[in-house]
Amino acid sequence: MPPRIAEPVALHGRHASLVPLTPDHAPALAEAVRDGELWKLWYTSIPAPEGMAAEIERRLGLHRAGSMLPFAVLDATGVAVGMTTYMNIDSEHQRVEIGSTWYARRVQRTPLNTECKRMLLAHAFETLGCIAVEFRTHRFNAQSRRAIERLGAQLDGILRNHLRAANGTLRDTAVYSITADEWPTVRAHLDFQLERAYGA
């Protein structure tokens, strides 16, 4: 039987690592979020530096409840530069969403995101036996949507008036997914991207 989706795991790549999130990551993550003042983006829910400890505790609470597996994203030097999660865990049907992801501006548009998604997808499909992995983002978050599409995910549709944002606006959520039968082709695509980026 495959491991539980919410079971903590560390995943290591060439230029990034994903490790279980802990309160000890708060200072480095507060510094990372200042790079680009990411909390000011109206269409995302990224914590401000002073709210980082509370956000970590929120994610750890969801992990204790079995609905999220939160990670700290480390760069090649071992410095925390962002966060990501397995979330909306559906253990009965072996489905999961990769989301609540953000990175310091200095590592955006670098191979780090591709490598992190490659590791999370491989673990989901090859170790956990998932049948599908979802990605969700605000309809207006063009940067996030382009990044998801570059992974090879397919748009399933738009959930209109799906959520109410902190500023009171209604969010239309774009839902993407990669299915287990698509994974070998997506894996080859991601490996090609990483090899080209690393000059291998």
N, C-alpha and C. Protein backbone atom coordinates (compact mmCIF):
# COMPACT_ATOMS: atom_id res chain seq x y z
N MET A 1 0.85 -1.19 0.00
CA MET A 1 0.00 0.00 0.00
C MET A 1 0.89 1.25 0.00
N PRO A 2 0.58 2.25 -0.83
CA PRO A 2 1.43 3.45 -0.88
C PRO A 2 1.36 4.24 0.41
N PRO A 3 2.38 5.05 0.70
CA PRO A 3 2.35 5.89 1.90
C PRO A 3 1.17 6.87 1.86
N ARG A 4 0.75 7.33 3.02
CA ARG A 4 -0.28 8.37 3.09
C ARG A 4 0.24 9.64 2.44
N ILE A 5 -0.66 10.35 1.75
CA ILE A 5 -0.23 11.56 1.05
C ILE A 5 0.32 12.59 2.02
N ALA A 6 -0.25 12.66 3.23
CA ALA A 6 0.18 13.67 4.20
C ALA A 6 1.40 13.26 5.01
N GLU A 7 2.00 12.10 4.71
CA GLU A 7 3.16 11.64 5.46
C GLU A 7 4.38 12.50 5.11
N PRO A 8 5.04 13.12 6.09
CA PRO A 8 6.17 14.02 5.80
C PRO A 8 7.27 13.32 5.02
N VAL A 9 7.86 14.06 4.10
CA VAL A 9 8.93 13.54 3.26
C VAL A 9 9.81 14.71 2.85
N ALA A 10 11.09 14.44 2.64
CA ALA A 10 12.01 15.44 2.08
C ALA A 10 12.38 15.00 0.68
N LEU A 11 12.37 15.95 -0.25
CA LEU A 11 12.68 15.67 -1.65
C LEU A 11 13.85 16.56 -2.07
N HIS A 12 14.85 15.98 -2.69
CA HIS A 12 16.07 16.72 -3.00
C HIS A 12 16.38 16.66 -4.49
N GLY A 13 16.67 17.82 -5.06
CA GLY A 13 17.05 17.91 -6.46
C GLY A 13 18.42 18.54 -6.59
N ARG A 14 18.76 18.89 -7.81
CA ARG A 14 20.08 19.45 -8.09
C ARG A 14 20.22 20.87 -7.57
N HIS A 15 19.16 21.65 -7.70
CA HIS A 15 19.24 23.05 -7.31
C HIS A 15 18.15 23.47 -6.33
N ALA A 16 17.39 22.52 -5.82
CA ALA A 16 16.34 22.83 -4.85
C ALA A 16 16.06 21.61 -4.00
N SER A 17 15.57 21.88 -2.80
CA SER A 17 15.11 20.81 -1.91
C SER A 17 13.77 21.23 -1.31
N LEU A 18 12.94 20.24 -1.06
CA LEU A 18 11.67 20.44 -0.38
C LEU A 18 11.74 19.67 0.93
N VAL A 19 11.61 20.38 2.04
CA VAL A 19 11.71 19.76 3.35
C VAL A 19 10.46 20.09 4.15
N PRO A 20 10.10 19.23 5.12
CA PRO A 20 8.91 19.53 5.92
C PRO A 20 9.02 20.91 6.58
N LEU A 21 7.97 21.68 6.45
CA LEU A 21 7.92 23.04 7.01
C LEU A 21 7.92 22.98 8.53
N THR A 22 8.71 23.86 9.18
CA THR A 22 8.73 23.95 10.63
C THR A 22 8.73 25.42 11.03
N PRO A 23 8.41 25.72 12.29
CA PRO A 23 8.49 27.11 12.76
C PRO A 23 9.88 27.72 12.62
N ASP A 24 10.92 26.89 12.61
CA ASP A 24 12.28 27.39 12.48
C ASP A 24 12.54 28.07 11.14
N HIS A 25 11.69 27.79 10.15
CA HIS A 25 11.87 28.41 8.83
C HIS A 25 11.35 29.84 8.78
N ALA A 26 10.65 30.29 9.81
CA ALA A 26 9.98 31.60 9.76
C ALA A 26 10.92 32.77 9.45
N PRO A 27 12.07 32.92 10.10
CA PRO A 27 12.92 34.09 9.81
C PRO A 27 13.38 34.14 8.36
N ALA A 28 13.84 33.01 7.81
CA ALA A 28 14.32 33.00 6.43
C ALA A 28 13.17 33.25 5.46
N LEU A 29 11.99 32.71 5.76
CA LEU A 29 10.84 32.91 4.87
C LEU A 29 10.33 34.35 4.94
N ALA A 30 10.40 34.96 6.11
CA ALA A 30 10.02 36.37 6.23
C ALA A 30 10.95 37.23 5.38
N GLU A 31 12.23 36.88 5.36
CA GLU A 31 13.17 37.61 4.52
C GLU A 31 12.90 37.34 3.04
N ALA A 32 12.58 36.09 2.70
CA ALA A 32 12.33 35.74 1.30
C ALA A 32 11.13 36.48 0.75
N VAL A 33 10.07 36.64 1.55
CA VAL A 33 8.85 37.27 1.04
C VAL A 33 9.05 38.77 0.83
N ARG A 34 10.05 39.35 1.52
CA ARG A 34 10.37 40.77 1.29
C ARG A 34 10.96 41.00 -0.10
N ASP A 35 11.54 39.95 -0.67
CA ASP A 35 12.14 40.06 -2.00
C ASP A 35 11.03 40.07 -3.04
N GLY A 36 10.60 41.26 -3.39
CA GLY A 36 9.49 41.42 -4.32
C GLY A 36 8.21 41.88 -3.66
N GLU A 37 8.24 42.02 -2.32
CA GLU A 37 7.05 42.44 -1.56
C GLU A 37 5.82 41.67 -2.04
N LEU A 38 5.95 40.35 -1.98
CA LEU A 38 4.97 39.47 -2.62
C LEU A 38 3.58 39.57 -2.01
N TRP A 39 3.49 39.93 -0.73
CA TRP A 39 2.18 40.00 -0.07
C TRP A 39 1.32 41.13 -0.63
N LYS A 40 1.90 42.03 -1.42
CA LYS A 40 1.14 43.15 -1.97
C LYS A 40 0.41 42.81 -3.27
N LEU A 41 0.64 41.62 -3.81
CA LEU A 41 -0.06 41.19 -5.02
C LEU A 41 -1.51 40.89 -4.67
N TRP A 42 -2.44 41.65 -5.22
CA TRP A 42 -3.84 41.57 -4.78
C TRP A 42 -4.49 40.23 -5.11
N TYR A 43 -4.00 39.52 -6.13
CA TYR A 43 -4.65 38.29 -6.57
C TYR A 43 -4.05 37.04 -5.94
N THR A 44 -3.19 37.21 -4.93
CA THR A 44 -2.62 36.06 -4.24
C THR A 44 -2.86 36.20 -2.73
N SER A 45 -2.58 35.12 -2.02
CA SER A 45 -2.70 35.13 -0.55
C SER A 45 -1.35 34.74 0.04
N ILE A 46 -0.39 35.63 -0.09
CA ILE A 46 0.96 35.38 0.40
C ILE A 46 1.15 36.16 1.70
N PRO A 47 1.69 35.53 2.75
CA PRO A 47 1.80 36.22 4.03
C PRO A 47 2.82 37.36 4.01
N ALA A 48 2.51 38.43 4.74
CA ALA A 48 3.47 39.50 4.96
C ALA A 48 4.54 38.99 5.94
N PRO A 49 5.70 39.63 5.99
CA PRO A 49 6.76 39.15 6.89
C PRO A 49 6.29 38.96 8.33
N GLU A 50 5.52 39.93 8.84
CA GLU A 50 5.08 39.83 10.23
C GLU A 50 4.03 38.74 10.45
N GLY A 51 3.46 38.23 9.38
CA GLY A 51 2.47 37.17 9.49
C GLY A 51 3.01 35.79 9.16
N MET A 52 4.32 35.68 8.94
CA MET A 52 4.89 34.42 8.49
C MET A 52 4.74 33.32 9.54
N ALA A 53 5.03 33.61 10.80
CA ALA A 53 4.93 32.58 11.84
C ALA A 53 3.50 32.06 11.94
N ALA A 54 2.52 32.96 11.85
CA ALA A 54 1.12 32.54 11.92
C ALA A 54 0.73 31.69 10.71
N GLU A 55 1.25 32.03 9.53
CA GLU A 55 0.96 31.25 8.33
C GLU A 55 1.57 29.86 8.42
N ILE A 56 2.78 29.78 8.96
CA ILE A 56 3.39 28.46 9.16
C ILE A 56 2.55 27.63 10.10
N GLU A 57 2.09 28.23 11.19
CA GLU A 57 1.27 27.49 12.15
C GLU A 57 -0.06 27.07 11.52
N ARG A 58 -0.64 27.93 10.66
CA ARG A 58 -1.88 27.57 9.98
C ARG A 58 -1.67 26.34 9.11
N ARG A 59 -0.58 26.34 8.36
CA ARG A 59 -0.30 25.19 7.49
C ARG A 59 -0.01 23.94 8.30
N LEU A 60 0.70 24.08 9.41
CA LEU A 60 0.97 22.91 10.25
C LEU A 60 -0.30 22.38 10.89
N GLY A 61 -1.25 23.28 11.21
CA GLY A 61 -2.54 22.84 11.72
C GLY A 61 -3.30 22.02 10.69
N LEU A 62 -3.26 22.45 9.44
CA LEU A 62 -3.92 21.69 8.37
C LEU A 62 -3.22 20.35 8.16
N HIS A 63 -1.90 20.32 8.38
CA HIS A 63 -1.20 19.04 8.29
C HIS A 63 -1.65 18.10 9.40
N ARG A 64 -1.79 18.63 10.61
CA ARG A 64 -2.27 17.78 11.71
C ARG A 64 -3.67 17.24 11.42
N ALA A 65 -4.47 18.02 10.69
CA ALA A 65 -5.83 17.59 10.35
C ALA A 65 -5.84 16.64 9.15
N GLY A 66 -4.69 16.45 8.50
CA GLY A 66 -4.60 15.50 7.40
C GLY A 66 -4.97 16.03 6.04
N SER A 67 -5.14 17.37 5.92
CA SER A 67 -5.58 17.92 4.64
C SER A 67 -4.47 18.64 3.88
N MET A 68 -3.27 18.74 4.45
CA MET A 68 -2.17 19.45 3.79
C MET A 68 -0.84 18.84 4.22
N LEU A 69 0.12 18.83 3.29
CA LEU A 69 1.51 18.51 3.61
C LEU A 69 2.36 19.69 3.18
N PRO A 70 2.77 20.55 4.13
CA PRO A 70 3.50 21.78 3.77
C PRO A 70 5.01 21.57 3.72
N PHE A 71 5.61 22.25 2.75
CA PHE A 71 7.07 22.19 2.56
C PHE A 71 7.66 23.59 2.61
N ALA A 72 8.90 23.68 3.09
CA ALA A 72 9.75 24.84 2.84
C ALA A 72 10.58 24.52 1.61
N VAL A 73 10.70 25.51 0.72
CA VAL A 73 11.51 25.35 -0.49
C VAL A 73 12.89 25.94 -0.21
N LEU A 74 13.93 25.13 -0.36
CA LEU A 74 15.30 25.57 -0.12
C LEU A 74 16.03 25.69 -1.45
N ASP A 75 16.89 26.69 -1.58
CA ASP A 75 17.71 26.80 -2.78
C ASP A 75 18.93 25.89 -2.64
N ALA A 76 19.83 25.98 -3.60
CA ALA A 76 20.98 25.06 -3.62
C ALA A 76 21.90 25.25 -2.43
N THR A 77 21.84 26.42 -1.79
CA THR A 77 22.69 26.67 -0.61
C THR A 77 22.00 26.29 0.69
N GLY A 78 20.76 25.82 0.60
CA GLY A 78 20.02 25.42 1.79
C GLY A 78 19.23 26.53 2.45
N VAL A 79 19.11 27.68 1.78
CA VAL A 79 18.35 28.82 2.32
C VAL A 79 16.89 28.70 1.89
N ALA A 80 15.97 28.91 2.83
CA ALA A 80 14.55 28.86 2.52
C ALA A 80 14.16 30.06 1.65
N VAL A 81 13.59 29.78 0.47
CA VAL A 81 13.23 30.85 -0.47
C VAL A 81 11.75 30.83 -0.84
N GLY A 82 10.97 29.97 -0.20
CA GLY A 82 9.55 29.91 -0.52
C GLY A 82 8.87 28.76 0.19
N MET A 83 7.59 28.59 -0.16
CA MET A 83 6.77 27.54 0.43
C MET A 83 5.94 26.90 -0.68
N THR A 84 5.59 25.63 -0.48
CA THR A 84 4.64 24.95 -1.34
C THR A 84 3.98 23.84 -0.54
N THR A 85 2.92 23.25 -1.08
CA THR A 85 2.20 22.22 -0.33
C THR A 85 1.56 21.19 -1.27
N TYR A 86 1.31 20.01 -0.71
CA TYR A 86 0.23 19.16 -1.19
C TYR A 86 -0.98 19.60 -0.38
N MET A 87 -2.10 19.90 -1.02
CA MET A 87 -3.27 20.38 -0.30
C MET A 87 -4.54 19.76 -0.89
N ASN A 88 -5.67 20.01 -0.22
CA ASN A 88 -6.94 19.39 -0.63
C ASN A 88 -6.74 17.90 -0.88
N ILE A 89 -6.09 17.26 0.08
CA ILE A 89 -5.74 15.84 -0.04
C ILE A 89 -7.01 14.99 -0.04
N ASP A 90 -7.14 14.13 -1.04
CA ASP A 90 -8.24 13.18 -1.15
C ASP A 90 -7.63 11.78 -1.14
N SER A 91 -7.44 11.24 0.06
CA SER A 91 -6.75 9.95 0.19
C SER A 91 -7.58 8.80 -0.38
N GLU A 92 -8.89 8.91 -0.31
CA GLU A 92 -9.75 7.83 -0.81
C GLU A 92 -9.55 7.62 -2.30
N HIS A 93 -9.47 8.74 -3.05
CA HIS A 93 -9.34 8.64 -4.49
C HIS A 93 -7.93 8.94 -4.99
N GLN A 94 -7.00 9.13 -4.04
CA GLN A 94 -5.59 9.37 -4.37
C GLN A 94 -5.44 10.54 -5.34
N ARG A 95 -6.06 11.66 -4.96
CA ARG A 95 -5.91 12.92 -5.70
C ARG A 95 -5.36 13.96 -4.76
N VAL A 96 -4.61 14.92 -5.32
CA VAL A 96 -4.02 15.96 -4.49
C VAL A 96 -3.82 17.20 -5.35
N GLU A 97 -3.81 18.35 -4.70
CA GLU A 97 -3.48 19.60 -5.37
C GLU A 97 -2.11 20.06 -4.92
N ILE A 98 -1.30 20.56 -5.86
CA ILE A 98 -0.06 21.25 -5.51
C ILE A 98 -0.39 22.73 -5.53
N GLY A 99 -0.22 23.39 -4.38
CA GLY A 99 -0.61 24.79 -4.34
C GLY A 99 -0.09 25.53 -3.12
N SER A 100 -0.67 26.72 -2.88
CA SER A 100 -0.19 27.63 -1.83
C SER A 100 1.32 27.82 -1.96
N THR A 101 1.74 28.03 -3.21
CA THR A 101 3.16 28.14 -3.55
C THR A 101 3.56 29.59 -3.78
N TRP A 102 4.70 29.97 -3.23
CA TRP A 102 5.29 31.26 -3.55
C TRP A 102 6.81 31.15 -3.42
N TYR A 103 7.51 32.00 -4.17
CA TYR A 103 8.97 32.03 -4.14
C TYR A 103 9.45 33.47 -4.07
N ALA A 104 10.59 33.68 -3.43
CA ALA A 104 11.27 34.98 -3.48
C ALA A 104 11.49 35.37 -4.93
N ARG A 105 11.43 36.65 -5.21
CA ARG A 105 11.55 37.12 -6.59
C ARG A 105 12.85 36.65 -7.25
N ARG A 106 13.93 36.57 -6.47
CA ARG A 106 15.23 36.23 -7.07
C ARG A 106 15.27 34.83 -7.67
N VAL A 107 14.36 33.94 -7.25
CA VAL A 107 14.37 32.59 -7.80
C VAL A 107 13.19 32.35 -8.74
N GLN A 108 12.35 33.35 -8.94
CA GLN A 108 11.27 33.20 -9.90
C GLN A 108 11.85 33.19 -11.31
N ARG A 109 11.17 32.48 -12.20
CA ARG A 109 11.62 32.33 -13.59
C ARG A 109 13.02 31.72 -13.68
N THR A 110 13.32 30.85 -12.73
CA THR A 110 14.56 30.06 -12.78
C THR A 110 14.14 28.59 -12.80
N PRO A 111 15.08 27.67 -13.03
CA PRO A 111 14.72 26.25 -13.04
C PRO A 111 14.23 25.73 -11.69
N LEU A 112 14.36 26.52 -10.62
CA LEU A 112 13.96 26.04 -9.29
C LEU A 112 12.50 25.59 -9.28
N ASN A 113 11.58 26.38 -9.85
CA ASN A 113 10.17 26.00 -9.83
C ASN A 113 9.93 24.73 -10.61
N THR A 114 10.55 24.62 -11.78
CA THR A 114 10.37 23.41 -12.59
C THR A 114 10.86 22.19 -11.83
N GLU A 115 12.01 22.32 -11.16
CA GLU A 115 12.56 21.19 -10.42
C GLU A 115 11.67 20.82 -9.24
N CYS A 116 11.15 21.83 -8.54
CA CYS A 116 10.26 21.54 -7.41
C CYS A 116 9.01 20.82 -7.87
N LYS A 117 8.40 21.30 -8.97
CA LYS A 117 7.20 20.64 -9.48
C LYS A 117 7.53 19.24 -9.97
N ARG A 118 8.69 19.05 -10.58
CA ARG A 118 9.12 17.72 -11.04
C ARG A 118 9.20 16.77 -9.86
N MET A 119 9.78 17.21 -8.76
CA MET A 119 9.90 16.34 -7.59
C MET A 119 8.54 16.02 -6.97
N LEU A 120 7.68 17.06 -6.85
CA LEU A 120 6.36 16.84 -6.25
C LEU A 120 5.50 15.93 -7.11
N LEU A 121 5.55 16.12 -8.42
CA LEU A 121 4.76 15.27 -9.31
C LEU A 121 5.27 13.83 -9.30
N ALA A 122 6.58 13.66 -9.33
CA ALA A 122 7.14 12.31 -9.30
C ALA A 122 6.75 11.58 -8.02
N HIS A 123 6.83 12.28 -6.90
CA HIS A 123 6.45 11.65 -5.63
C HIS A 123 4.97 11.29 -5.63
N ALA A 124 4.14 12.20 -6.15
CA ALA A 124 2.70 11.95 -6.16
C ALA A 124 2.34 10.75 -7.03
N PHE A 125 2.88 10.69 -8.23
CA PHE A 125 2.50 9.62 -9.15
C PHE A 125 3.27 8.32 -8.92
N GLU A 126 4.58 8.42 -8.64
CA GLU A 126 5.42 7.23 -8.60
C GLU A 126 5.51 6.59 -7.22
N THR A 127 5.36 7.38 -6.16
CA THR A 127 5.44 6.83 -4.81
C THR A 127 4.06 6.71 -4.17
N LEU A 128 3.25 7.77 -4.30
CA LEU A 128 1.95 7.79 -3.65
C LEU A 128 0.85 7.12 -4.47
N GLY A 129 1.09 6.92 -5.75
CA GLY A 129 0.10 6.28 -6.60
C GLY A 129 -1.11 7.14 -6.90
N CYS A 130 -0.91 8.44 -6.98
CA CYS A 130 -2.04 9.34 -7.27
C CYS A 130 -2.55 9.13 -8.69
N ILE A 131 -3.86 9.37 -8.86
CA ILE A 131 -4.46 9.24 -10.19
C ILE A 131 -4.50 10.58 -10.90
N ALA A 132 -4.40 11.68 -10.15
CA ALA A 132 -4.38 13.01 -10.75
C ALA A 132 -3.82 14.00 -9.75
N VAL A 133 -3.18 15.04 -10.28
CA VAL A 133 -2.66 16.14 -9.48
C VAL A 133 -3.23 17.43 -10.05
N GLU A 134 -3.81 18.25 -9.18
CA GLU A 134 -4.42 19.51 -9.61
C GLU A 134 -3.53 20.70 -9.29
N PHE A 135 -3.77 21.77 -10.04
CA PHE A 135 -3.19 23.09 -9.77
C PHE A 135 -4.33 24.10 -9.89
N ARG A 136 -4.42 25.03 -8.96
CA ARG A 136 -5.46 26.05 -9.01
C ARG A 136 -4.84 27.42 -8.80
N THR A 137 -5.37 28.41 -9.50
CA THR A 137 -4.86 29.76 -9.35
C THR A 137 -5.94 30.75 -9.74
N HIS A 138 -5.75 31.99 -9.34
CA HIS A 138 -6.68 33.06 -9.70
C HIS A 138 -6.70 33.22 -11.22
N ARG A 139 -7.87 33.43 -11.77
CA ARG A 139 -7.99 33.61 -13.22
C ARG A 139 -7.11 34.75 -13.71
N PHE A 140 -6.91 35.79 -12.88
CA PHE A 140 -6.12 36.95 -13.29
C PHE A 140 -4.62 36.79 -13.03
N ASN A 141 -4.21 35.68 -12.41
CA ASN A 141 -2.79 35.48 -12.12
C ASN A 141 -2.10 34.90 -13.35
N ALA A 142 -1.83 35.77 -14.32
CA ALA A 142 -1.29 35.32 -15.61
C ALA A 142 0.06 34.63 -15.45
N GLN A 143 0.91 35.13 -14.57
CA GLN A 143 2.23 34.53 -14.37
C GLN A 143 2.10 33.10 -13.87
N SER A 144 1.22 32.89 -12.90
CA SER A 144 1.02 31.55 -12.36
C SER A 144 0.42 30.62 -13.41
N ARG A 145 -0.53 31.12 -14.18
CA ARG A 145 -1.17 30.28 -15.20
C ARG A 145 -0.17 29.87 -16.27
N ARG A 146 0.69 30.79 -16.68
CA ARG A 146 1.71 30.44 -17.68
C ARG A 146 2.66 29.38 -17.13
N ALA A 147 3.03 29.53 -15.86
CA ALA A 147 3.95 28.56 -15.25
C ALA A 147 3.31 27.17 -15.18
N ILE A 148 2.02 27.11 -14.83
CA ILE A 148 1.31 25.83 -14.76
C ILE A 148 1.21 25.21 -16.14
N GLU A 149 0.90 26.02 -17.14
CA GLU A 149 0.78 25.50 -18.50
C GLU A 149 2.12 25.03 -19.04
N ARG A 150 3.21 25.70 -18.65
CA ARG A 150 4.55 25.25 -19.08
C ARG A 150 4.89 23.87 -18.53
N LEU A 151 4.29 23.51 -17.39
CA LEU A 151 4.52 22.18 -16.83
C LEU A 151 3.90 21.08 -17.69
N GLY A 152 2.88 21.45 -18.47
CA GLY A 152 2.16 20.46 -19.25
C GLY A 152 0.79 20.14 -18.70
N ALA A 153 0.33 20.89 -17.70
CA ALA A 153 -1.00 20.67 -17.14
C ALA A 153 -2.07 21.17 -18.10
N GLN A 154 -3.22 20.53 -18.07
CA GLN A 154 -4.34 20.88 -18.93
C GLN A 154 -5.38 21.67 -18.12
N LEU A 155 -5.98 22.68 -18.76
CA LEU A 155 -7.03 23.46 -18.11
C LEU A 155 -8.31 22.63 -18.06
N ASP A 156 -8.80 22.36 -16.85
CA ASP A 156 -10.06 21.65 -16.68
C ASP A 156 -11.25 22.59 -16.77
N GLY A 157 -11.07 23.84 -16.32
CA GLY A 157 -12.15 24.81 -16.40
C GLY A 157 -11.96 25.92 -15.39
N ILE A 158 -12.95 26.82 -15.33
CA ILE A 158 -12.93 27.97 -14.42
C ILE A 158 -14.07 27.82 -13.43
N LEU A 159 -13.75 27.85 -12.15
CA LEU A 159 -14.77 27.89 -11.10
C LEU A 159 -15.10 29.35 -10.85
N ARG A 160 -16.25 29.80 -11.32
CA ARG A 160 -16.59 31.21 -11.25
C ARG A 160 -17.13 31.55 -9.87
N ASN A 161 -16.75 32.76 -9.38
CA ASN A 161 -17.12 33.18 -8.02
C ASN A 161 -16.82 32.06 -7.01
N HIS A 162 -15.62 31.52 -7.12
CA HIS A 162 -15.27 30.36 -6.32
C HIS A 162 -14.96 30.72 -4.86
N LEU A 163 -14.26 31.84 -4.67
CA LEU A 163 -13.84 32.24 -3.33
C LEU A 163 -13.97 33.74 -3.17
N ARG A 164 -14.04 34.17 -1.92
CA ARG A 164 -14.00 35.61 -1.64
C ARG A 164 -12.59 35.95 -1.14
N ALA A 165 -11.94 36.86 -1.83
CA ALA A 165 -10.57 37.24 -1.48
C ALA A 165 -10.56 38.14 -0.26
N ALA A 166 -9.35 38.32 0.31
CA ALA A 166 -9.22 39.14 1.52
C ALA A 166 -9.67 40.57 1.29
N ASN A 167 -9.54 41.06 0.04
CA ASN A 167 -9.95 42.44 -0.25
C ASN A 167 -11.44 42.55 -0.60
N GLY A 168 -12.16 41.44 -0.47
CA GLY A 168 -13.60 41.47 -0.71
C GLY A 168 -14.03 41.11 -2.11
N THR A 169 -13.07 41.03 -3.06
CA THR A 169 -13.44 40.68 -4.43
C THR A 169 -13.71 39.18 -4.53
N LEU A 170 -14.45 38.82 -5.56
CA LEU A 170 -14.75 37.41 -5.81
C LEU A 170 -13.72 36.83 -6.77
N ARG A 171 -13.20 35.67 -6.44
CA ARG A 171 -12.16 35.04 -7.24
C ARG A 171 -12.75 33.98 -8.15
N ASP A 172 -12.43 34.10 -9.45
CA ASP A 172 -12.64 33.00 -10.38
C ASP A 172 -11.38 32.16 -10.35
N THR A 173 -11.51 30.85 -10.13
CA THR A 173 -10.36 29.97 -9.99
C THR A 173 -10.17 29.13 -11.23
N ALA A 174 -8.98 29.23 -11.83
CA ALA A 174 -8.62 28.38 -12.97
C ALA A 174 -8.09 27.06 -12.43
N VAL A 175 -8.68 25.95 -12.87
CA VAL A 175 -8.33 24.62 -12.38
C VAL A 175 -7.62 23.85 -13.50
N TYR A 176 -6.43 23.38 -13.21
CA TYR A 176 -5.63 22.59 -14.14
C TYR A 176 -5.36 21.22 -13.52
N SER A 177 -4.99 20.25 -14.34
CA SER A 177 -4.58 18.96 -13.78
C SER A 177 -3.65 18.23 -14.72
N ILE A 178 -2.92 17.30 -14.12
CA ILE A 178 -2.13 16.30 -14.84
C ILE A 178 -2.62 14.95 -14.33
N THR A 179 -2.93 14.03 -15.22
CA THR A 179 -3.42 12.71 -14.83
C THR A 179 -2.30 11.69 -14.87
N ALA A 180 -2.52 10.56 -14.21
CA ALA A 180 -1.48 9.54 -14.11
C ALA A 180 -1.04 9.05 -15.49
N ASP A 181 -1.98 8.90 -16.43
CA ASP A 181 -1.61 8.42 -17.75
C ASP A 181 -0.82 9.46 -18.54
N GLU A 182 -0.96 10.73 -18.18
CA GLU A 182 -0.19 11.80 -18.84
C GLU A 182 1.21 11.97 -18.25
N TRP A 183 1.43 11.45 -17.05
CA TRP A 183 2.66 11.72 -16.33
C TRP A 183 3.93 11.32 -17.10
N PRO A 184 4.02 10.15 -17.74
CA PRO A 184 5.27 9.83 -18.44
C PRO A 184 5.66 10.87 -19.49
N THR A 185 4.68 11.39 -20.23
CA THR A 185 4.98 12.42 -21.23
C THR A 185 5.36 13.74 -20.58
N VAL A 186 4.63 14.11 -19.52
CA VAL A 186 4.95 15.35 -18.80
C VAL A 186 6.33 15.24 -18.16
N ARG A 187 6.65 14.07 -17.61
CA ARG A 187 7.97 13.86 -17.00
C ARG A 187 9.08 14.06 -18.02
N ALA A 188 8.90 13.50 -19.22
CA ALA A 188 9.91 13.67 -20.27
C ALA A 188 10.05 15.14 -20.65
N HIS A 189 8.93 15.85 -20.71
CA HIS A 189 8.93 17.28 -21.02
C HIS A 189 9.70 18.07 -19.96
N LEU A 190 9.43 17.79 -18.67
CA LEU A 190 10.11 18.50 -17.59
C LEU A 190 11.60 18.15 -17.56
N ASP A 191 11.93 16.89 -17.79
CA ASP A 191 13.35 16.50 -17.80
C ASP A 191 14.09 17.22 -18.93
N PHE A 192 13.45 17.36 -20.08
CA PHE A 192 14.06 18.08 -21.19
C PHE A 192 14.29 19.55 -20.82
N GLN A 193 13.29 20.17 -20.20
CA GLN A 193 13.44 21.56 -19.78
C GLN A 193 14.60 21.72 -18.80
N LEU A 194 14.70 20.82 -17.85
CA LEU A 194 15.75 20.93 -16.83
C LEU A 194 17.13 20.66 -17.43
N GLU A 195 17.23 19.69 -18.31
CA GLU A 195 18.51 19.42 -18.94
C GLU A 195 18.98 20.61 -19.77
N ARG A 196 18.07 21.24 -20.47
CA ARG A 196 18.42 22.42 -21.27
C ARG A 196 18.83 23.57 -20.36
N ALA A 197 18.11 23.75 -19.23
CA ALA A 197 18.42 24.83 -18.31
C ALA A 197 19.77 24.64 -17.64
N TYR A 198 20.11 23.39 -17.35
CA TYR A 198 21.35 23.11 -16.64
C TYR A 198 22.52 22.87 -17.58
N GLY A 199 22.24 22.87 -18.88
CA GLY A 199 23.30 22.66 -19.84
C GLY A 199 23.85 21.26 -19.82
N ALA A 200 23.00 20.31 -19.40
CA ALA A 200 23.45 18.92 -19.31
C ALA A 200 23.44 18.25 -20.68
